[in-house]
């Protein structure tokens, strides 16, 4: 995939911005996971995102609706993987697996799956430096999650929720591939609106079923602001940046930037929660960032 330096830098900037926003999503979502069931959290998030996108995308949706209907199967799969499944599966897994399992499996497996799928279906070459960058990213993430301790890494065990988060990683990897094959002539705002709306509608029956079998949600202003953040920031802004980055960098290369999410989460935890940064955080951050840089080198 040949791109200019300007396009490369723009793509990198968009991908980094998306990961910064998504890292905040993981920080705040953890705080409300016991206040709202996982499917409800996902449904309210994407319903909010769809409502925000409606006035922004309506003009383009009206003009390009023939493209939407022609490629309805494409939007069904894109909405299913990128919206309905990805975060919902992560939210469900959070009720069963410890944080180390969620972060290790979810963060490191999706880029690996995306690179393999991109090589198979999009014929994107897996260059030696991209493999080296990926391995360096994985090393940094494992070092971070093991706190630099081989004993803690050896004690790692799969739990009931690990399968859920692995499925979520697979879903997001497929979404990355689907975005690279989006229909010609469709505006980015129309694309996101259609994907968000489709994914929200697919969640609706499961949301209603969950509501029938769980305790009513106790709403407060904090929960409302969290939903607004997830809907506007972690959905509309972050996904728009991510999709634009994929268009410039390719699916496999963009997926590598997902490894920055735990690094930014640590920085936000230090800033917002007053947690202490250790040398483990510094070393793992250097490894991950260096890996992303190497994976994006032309030579």
Protein backbone atom coordinates (compact mmCIF):
# COMPACT_ATOMS: atom_id res chain seq x y z
CA UNK A 1 0.00 0.00 0.00
CA UNK A 2 1.79 3.13 -1.26
CA UNK A 3 0.93 6.41 0.47
CA UNK A 4 2.58 9.80 0.76
CA UNK A 5 4.39 10.92 3.90
CA UNK A 6 1.62 13.42 4.62
CA UNK A 7 -1.04 10.72 4.40
CA UNK A 8 1.10 8.44 6.57
CA UNK A 9 1.45 11.08 9.31
CA UNK A 10 -2.25 11.94 9.16
CA UNK A 11 -3.16 8.25 9.42
CA UNK A 12 -0.85 7.75 12.39
CA UNK A 13 -2.25 10.83 14.13
CA UNK A 14 -5.84 9.66 13.62
CA UNK A 15 -5.05 6.16 14.90
CA UNK A 16 -3.29 7.53 18.00
CA UNK A 17 -6.19 9.91 18.74
CA UNK A 18 -8.65 7.02 18.50
CA UNK A 19 -6.61 4.92 20.94
CA UNK A 20 -6.39 7.82 23.41
CA UNK A 21 -10.18 8.14 23.41
CA UNK A 22 -10.70 4.39 23.63
CA UNK A 23 -8.30 4.12 26.55
CA UNK A 24 -10.55 6.54 28.44
CA UNK A 25 -13.47 4.29 27.53
CA UNK A 26 -11.88 1.38 29.40
CA UNK A 27 -11.11 3.59 32.42
CA UNK A 28 -14.64 4.95 32.86
CA UNK A 29 -16.56 1.84 31.77
CA UNK A 30 -14.95 -0.19 34.52
CA UNK A 31 -16.48 2.12 37.11
CA UNK A 32 -20.09 1.51 36.02
CA UNK A 33 -19.97 -2.15 35.06
CA UNK A 34 -21.83 -3.08 38.28
CA UNK A 35 -24.38 -0.30 37.89
CA UNK A 36 -25.63 -1.34 34.46
CA UNK A 37 -25.78 -4.76 32.74
CA UNK A 38 -23.32 -5.29 29.86
CA UNK A 39 -25.79 -5.47 26.97
CA UNK A 40 -27.67 -2.43 28.29
CA UNK A 41 -24.41 -0.50 28.55
CA UNK A 42 -23.58 -1.37 24.95
CA UNK A 43 -27.11 -0.60 23.71
CA UNK A 44 -27.33 2.82 25.36
CA UNK A 45 -23.85 3.65 24.12
CA UNK A 46 -24.60 2.87 20.48
CA UNK A 47 -28.14 4.28 20.57
CA UNK A 48 -26.63 7.55 21.80
CA UNK A 49 -23.99 7.43 19.08
CA UNK A 50 -26.67 6.82 16.43
CA UNK A 51 -28.72 9.80 17.63
CA UNK A 52 -25.64 12.02 17.56
CA UNK A 53 -24.79 10.87 14.04
CA UNK A 54 -28.35 11.31 12.71
CA UNK A 55 -28.28 15.10 12.04
CA UNK A 56 -24.65 14.92 10.88
CA UNK A 57 -25.17 12.12 8.41
CA UNK A 58 -28.81 12.51 7.32
CA UNK A 59 -28.05 14.53 4.15
CA UNK A 60 -25.47 11.99 3.02
CA UNK A 61 -27.69 9.06 4.03
CA UNK A 62 -30.56 10.40 1.91
CA UNK A 63 -28.34 10.96 -1.10
CA UNK A 64 -26.57 7.60 -0.83
CA UNK A 65 -29.36 5.36 0.48
CA UNK A 66 -29.32 3.35 -2.76
CA UNK A 67 -25.70 2.38 -1.91
CA UNK A 68 -26.75 1.38 1.62
CA UNK A 69 -29.55 -0.86 0.38
CA UNK A 70 -27.40 -2.36 -2.36
CA UNK A 71 -24.76 -3.35 0.22
CA UNK A 72 -27.12 -4.24 3.08
CA UNK A 73 -25.33 -7.54 3.75
CA UNK A 74 -22.03 -5.70 4.08
CA UNK A 75 -23.50 -3.27 6.63
CA UNK A 76 -25.11 -6.15 8.49
CA UNK A 77 -21.71 -7.81 9.05
CA UNK A 78 -19.88 -4.55 9.74
CA UNK A 79 -22.49 -3.44 12.29
CA UNK A 80 -22.50 -6.89 13.88
CA UNK A 81 -18.73 -7.12 14.35
CA UNK A 82 -17.78 -3.50 15.03
CA UNK A 83 -20.79 -2.44 17.09
CA UNK A 84 -22.99 -5.29 18.33
CA UNK A 85 -20.28 -7.76 19.31
CA UNK A 86 -16.96 -6.10 20.10
CA UNK A 87 -17.56 -4.00 23.22
CA UNK A 88 -20.56 -6.07 24.31
CA UNK A 89 -18.38 -9.16 24.54
CA UNK A 90 -15.73 -7.22 26.45
CA UNK A 91 -18.38 -5.92 28.89
CA UNK A 92 -19.69 -9.46 29.39
CA UNK A 93 -16.17 -10.82 29.90
CA UNK A 94 -15.58 -8.21 32.59
CA UNK A 95 -18.03 -10.06 34.81
CA UNK A 96 -16.04 -13.29 34.64
CA UNK A 97 -12.33 -12.62 34.04
CA UNK A 98 -9.68 -10.63 35.94
CA UNK A 99 -8.24 -7.51 34.35
CA UNK A 100 -4.93 -9.16 33.40
CA UNK A 101 -6.75 -11.73 31.28
CA UNK A 102 -8.98 -9.17 29.58
CA UNK A 103 -6.13 -6.81 28.70
CA UNK A 104 -3.67 -9.52 27.64
CA UNK A 105 -6.08 -11.40 25.38
CA UNK A 106 -8.08 -8.46 24.05
CA UNK A 107 -5.18 -6.10 23.35
CA UNK A 108 -2.67 -8.49 21.84
CA UNK A 109 -4.84 -10.97 19.95
CA UNK A 110 -6.84 -8.54 17.80
CA UNK A 111 -3.79 -7.09 15.95
CA UNK A 112 -2.45 -10.60 15.33
CA UNK A 113 -5.80 -11.78 13.96
CA UNK A 114 -6.15 -8.60 11.86
CA UNK A 115 -2.73 -9.08 10.26
CA UNK A 116 -3.51 -12.69 9.40
CA UNK A 117 -6.96 -11.86 8.01
CA UNK A 118 -5.59 -8.90 6.04
CA UNK A 119 -2.94 -11.16 4.50
CA UNK A 120 -5.54 -13.79 3.54
CA UNK A 121 -8.44 -11.66 2.33
CA UNK A 122 -6.85 -8.32 1.36
CA UNK A 123 -3.46 -9.74 0.33
CA UNK A 124 -1.67 -7.16 2.46
CA UNK A 125 1.94 -8.36 2.73
CA UNK A 126 3.37 -9.22 6.15
CA UNK A 127 6.76 -7.54 5.88
CA UNK A 128 9.62 -8.56 8.21
CA UNK A 129 9.71 -5.20 9.99
CA UNK A 130 5.94 -5.40 10.61
CA UNK A 131 6.39 -8.79 12.25
CA UNK A 132 9.26 -7.37 14.32
CA UNK A 133 7.15 -4.40 15.38
CA UNK A 134 4.24 -6.64 16.31
CA UNK A 135 6.46 -8.91 18.40
CA UNK A 136 7.91 -5.88 20.19
CA UNK A 137 4.38 -4.61 20.91
CA UNK A 138 3.39 -7.99 22.30
CA UNK A 139 6.53 -8.07 24.45
CA UNK A 140 5.71 -4.66 25.91
CA UNK A 141 2.11 -5.60 26.67
CA UNK A 142 3.09 -8.90 28.30
CA UNK A 143 5.77 -7.13 30.34
CA UNK A 144 3.24 -4.55 31.48
CA UNK A 145 0.53 -7.06 32.42
CA UNK A 146 2.99 -9.34 34.23
CA UNK A 147 4.42 -6.34 36.12
CA UNK A 148 7.86 -7.46 35.00
CA UNK A 149 7.50 -10.70 36.96
CA UNK A 150 8.07 -14.08 35.33
CA UNK A 151 6.33 -15.76 38.26
CA UNK A 152 3.17 -13.73 37.72
CA UNK A 153 3.22 -14.48 34.02
CA UNK A 154 3.58 -18.22 34.73
CA UNK A 155 0.58 -17.99 37.07
CA UNK A 156 -1.62 -16.74 34.22
CA UNK A 157 -4.69 -18.95 33.80
CA UNK A 158 -7.66 -18.86 31.45
CA UNK A 159 -11.00 -18.19 33.15
CA UNK A 160 -14.63 -18.42 32.06
CA UNK A 161 -14.68 -14.95 30.50
CA UNK A 162 -11.53 -15.35 28.42
CA UNK A 163 -13.49 -16.93 25.59
CA UNK A 164 -15.80 -13.91 25.49
CA UNK A 165 -12.98 -11.39 25.20
CA UNK A 166 -11.22 -13.53 22.58
CA UNK A 167 -14.42 -13.51 20.52
CA UNK A 168 -14.53 -9.74 20.96
CA UNK A 169 -10.98 -9.43 19.65
CA UNK A 170 -11.90 -11.60 16.67
CA UNK A 171 -14.96 -9.43 15.99
CA UNK A 172 -12.91 -6.23 15.99
CA UNK A 173 -10.27 -7.79 13.72
CA UNK A 174 -13.00 -8.72 11.23
CA UNK A 175 -14.40 -5.19 11.49
CA UNK A 176 -10.98 -3.80 10.56
CA UNK A 177 -10.97 -5.95 7.45
CA UNK A 178 -14.56 -5.02 6.54
CA UNK A 179 -13.82 -1.29 6.76
CA UNK A 180 -11.06 -1.67 4.16
CA UNK A 181 -13.66 -3.07 1.74
CA UNK A 182 -16.38 -0.48 2.27
CA UNK A 183 -18.54 0.42 -0.76
CA UNK A 184 -17.30 3.01 -3.23
CA UNK A 185 -18.86 6.48 -3.16
CA UNK A 186 -20.13 6.40 0.42
CA UNK A 187 -19.47 9.36 2.70
CA UNK A 188 -17.66 8.60 6.02
CA UNK A 189 -20.52 10.09 8.06
CA UNK A 190 -23.12 8.02 6.25
CA UNK A 191 -20.94 4.95 6.66
CA UNK A 192 -20.61 5.40 10.43
CA UNK A 193 -24.29 6.24 10.91
CA UNK A 194 -25.39 3.16 9.00
CA UNK A 195 -22.97 0.91 10.88
CA UNK A 196 -23.98 2.36 14.27
CA UNK A 197 -27.70 2.13 13.54
CA UNK A 198 -27.43 -1.42 12.20
CA UNK A 199 -25.42 -2.56 15.22
CA UNK A 200 -27.85 -0.89 17.62
CA UNK A 201 -30.86 -2.56 15.99
CA UNK A 202 -29.10 -5.92 16.20
CA UNK A 203 -28.57 -5.34 19.93
CA UNK A 204 -32.20 -4.33 20.56
CA UNK A 205 -33.78 -7.80 21.08
CA UNK A 206 -30.96 -8.86 23.44
CA UNK A 207 -31.29 -5.56 25.31
CA UNK A 208 -35.02 -6.13 25.83
CA UNK A 209 -34.37 -9.70 26.95
CA UNK A 210 -31.74 -8.55 29.44
CA UNK A 211 -34.06 -5.90 30.84
CA UNK A 212 -36.70 -8.55 31.47
CA UNK A 213 -34.34 -10.65 33.61
CA UNK A 214 -32.22 -8.06 35.45
CA UNK A 215 -32.82 -5.44 38.11
CA UNK A 216 -33.89 -1.99 36.88
CA UNK A 217 -31.05 0.46 36.27
CA UNK A 218 -30.71 3.17 38.91
CA UNK A 219 -29.94 6.27 36.85
CA UNK A 220 -27.89 9.20 38.12
CA UNK A 221 -26.02 12.09 36.48
CA UNK A 222 -22.69 10.26 36.64
CA UNK A 223 -24.12 7.33 34.67
CA UNK A 224 -25.71 9.71 32.15
CA UNK A 225 -22.39 11.48 31.56
CA UNK A 226 -20.64 8.12 31.16
CA UNK A 227 -23.15 7.08 28.47
CA UNK A 228 -22.68 10.43 26.72
CA UNK A 229 -18.91 10.00 26.78
CA UNK A 230 -19.14 6.46 25.42
CA UNK A 231 -21.66 7.48 22.75
CA UNK A 232 -19.99 10.70 21.56
CA UNK A 233 -16.29 10.19 22.27
CA UNK A 234 -15.57 6.47 22.29
CA UNK A 235 -18.02 5.83 19.45
CA UNK A 236 -18.52 8.75 17.07
CA UNK A 237 -15.16 10.54 17.31
CA UNK A 238 -12.95 7.50 17.91
CA UNK A 239 -14.52 5.32 15.21
CA UNK A 240 -14.42 8.13 12.65
CA UNK A 241 -10.71 8.62 13.35
CA UNK A 242 -10.07 4.87 13.26
CA UNK A 243 -11.85 4.34 9.95
CA UNK A 244 -10.01 7.27 8.35
CA UNK A 245 -6.73 5.81 9.65
CA UNK A 246 -7.55 2.41 8.12
CA UNK A 247 -8.20 4.09 4.77
CA UNK A 248 -4.70 5.60 4.87
CA UNK A 249 -2.60 2.96 6.63
CA UNK A 250 -4.37 -0.31 5.90
CA UNK A 251 -6.17 -2.67 8.25
CA UNK A 252 -3.17 -4.59 9.58
CA UNK A 253 -0.97 -1.56 10.21
CA UNK A 254 -3.76 0.44 11.91
CA UNK A 255 -4.64 -2.50 14.17
CA UNK A 256 -1.15 -2.31 15.68
CA UNK A 257 -2.01 1.02 17.28
CA UNK A 258 -4.50 -0.77 19.51
CA UNK A 259 -1.48 -1.77 21.58
CA UNK A 260 -1.21 1.84 22.75
CA UNK A 261 -4.54 1.65 24.60
CA UNK A 262 -3.19 0.15 27.88
CA UNK A 263 -0.29 2.63 27.82
CA UNK A 264 -2.65 5.60 27.56
CA UNK A 265 -4.92 4.00 30.18
CA UNK A 266 -1.99 4.01 32.64
CA UNK A 267 -1.23 7.67 31.94
CA UNK A 268 -4.89 8.57 32.44
CA UNK A 269 -5.03 6.57 35.66
CA UNK A 270 -1.98 8.46 36.96
CA UNK A 271 -3.51 11.79 35.94
CA UNK A 272 -7.14 11.21 36.91
CA UNK A 273 -6.91 8.64 39.70
CA UNK A 274 -3.56 9.57 41.24
CA UNK A 275 -2.09 6.11 40.73
CA UNK A 276 1.69 5.70 40.81
CA UNK A 277 3.71 5.09 37.65
CA UNK A 278 6.51 2.54 38.04
CA UNK A 279 9.55 1.59 35.96
CA UNK A 280 7.52 -1.34 34.61
CA UNK A 281 5.11 1.16 33.05
CA UNK A 282 7.96 3.17 31.55
CA UNK A 283 9.73 0.14 30.03
CA UNK A 284 6.54 -1.39 28.63
CA UNK A 285 5.54 1.97 27.15
CA UNK A 286 8.89 2.31 25.39
CA UNK A 287 8.59 -1.23 23.99
CA UNK A 288 5.05 -0.74 22.66
CA UNK A 289 5.66 2.69 21.14
CA UNK A 290 8.92 1.49 19.54
CA UNK A 291 7.09 -1.53 18.13
CA UNK A 292 4.40 0.68 16.57
CA UNK A 293 7.10 2.90 15.00
CA UNK A 294 9.01 -0.07 13.58
CA UNK A 295 5.83 -1.60 12.16
CA UNK A 296 5.16 1.64 10.27
CA UNK A 297 8.61 2.00 8.72
CA UNK A 298 8.84 1.65 4.97
CA UNK A 299 12.31 0.17 5.14
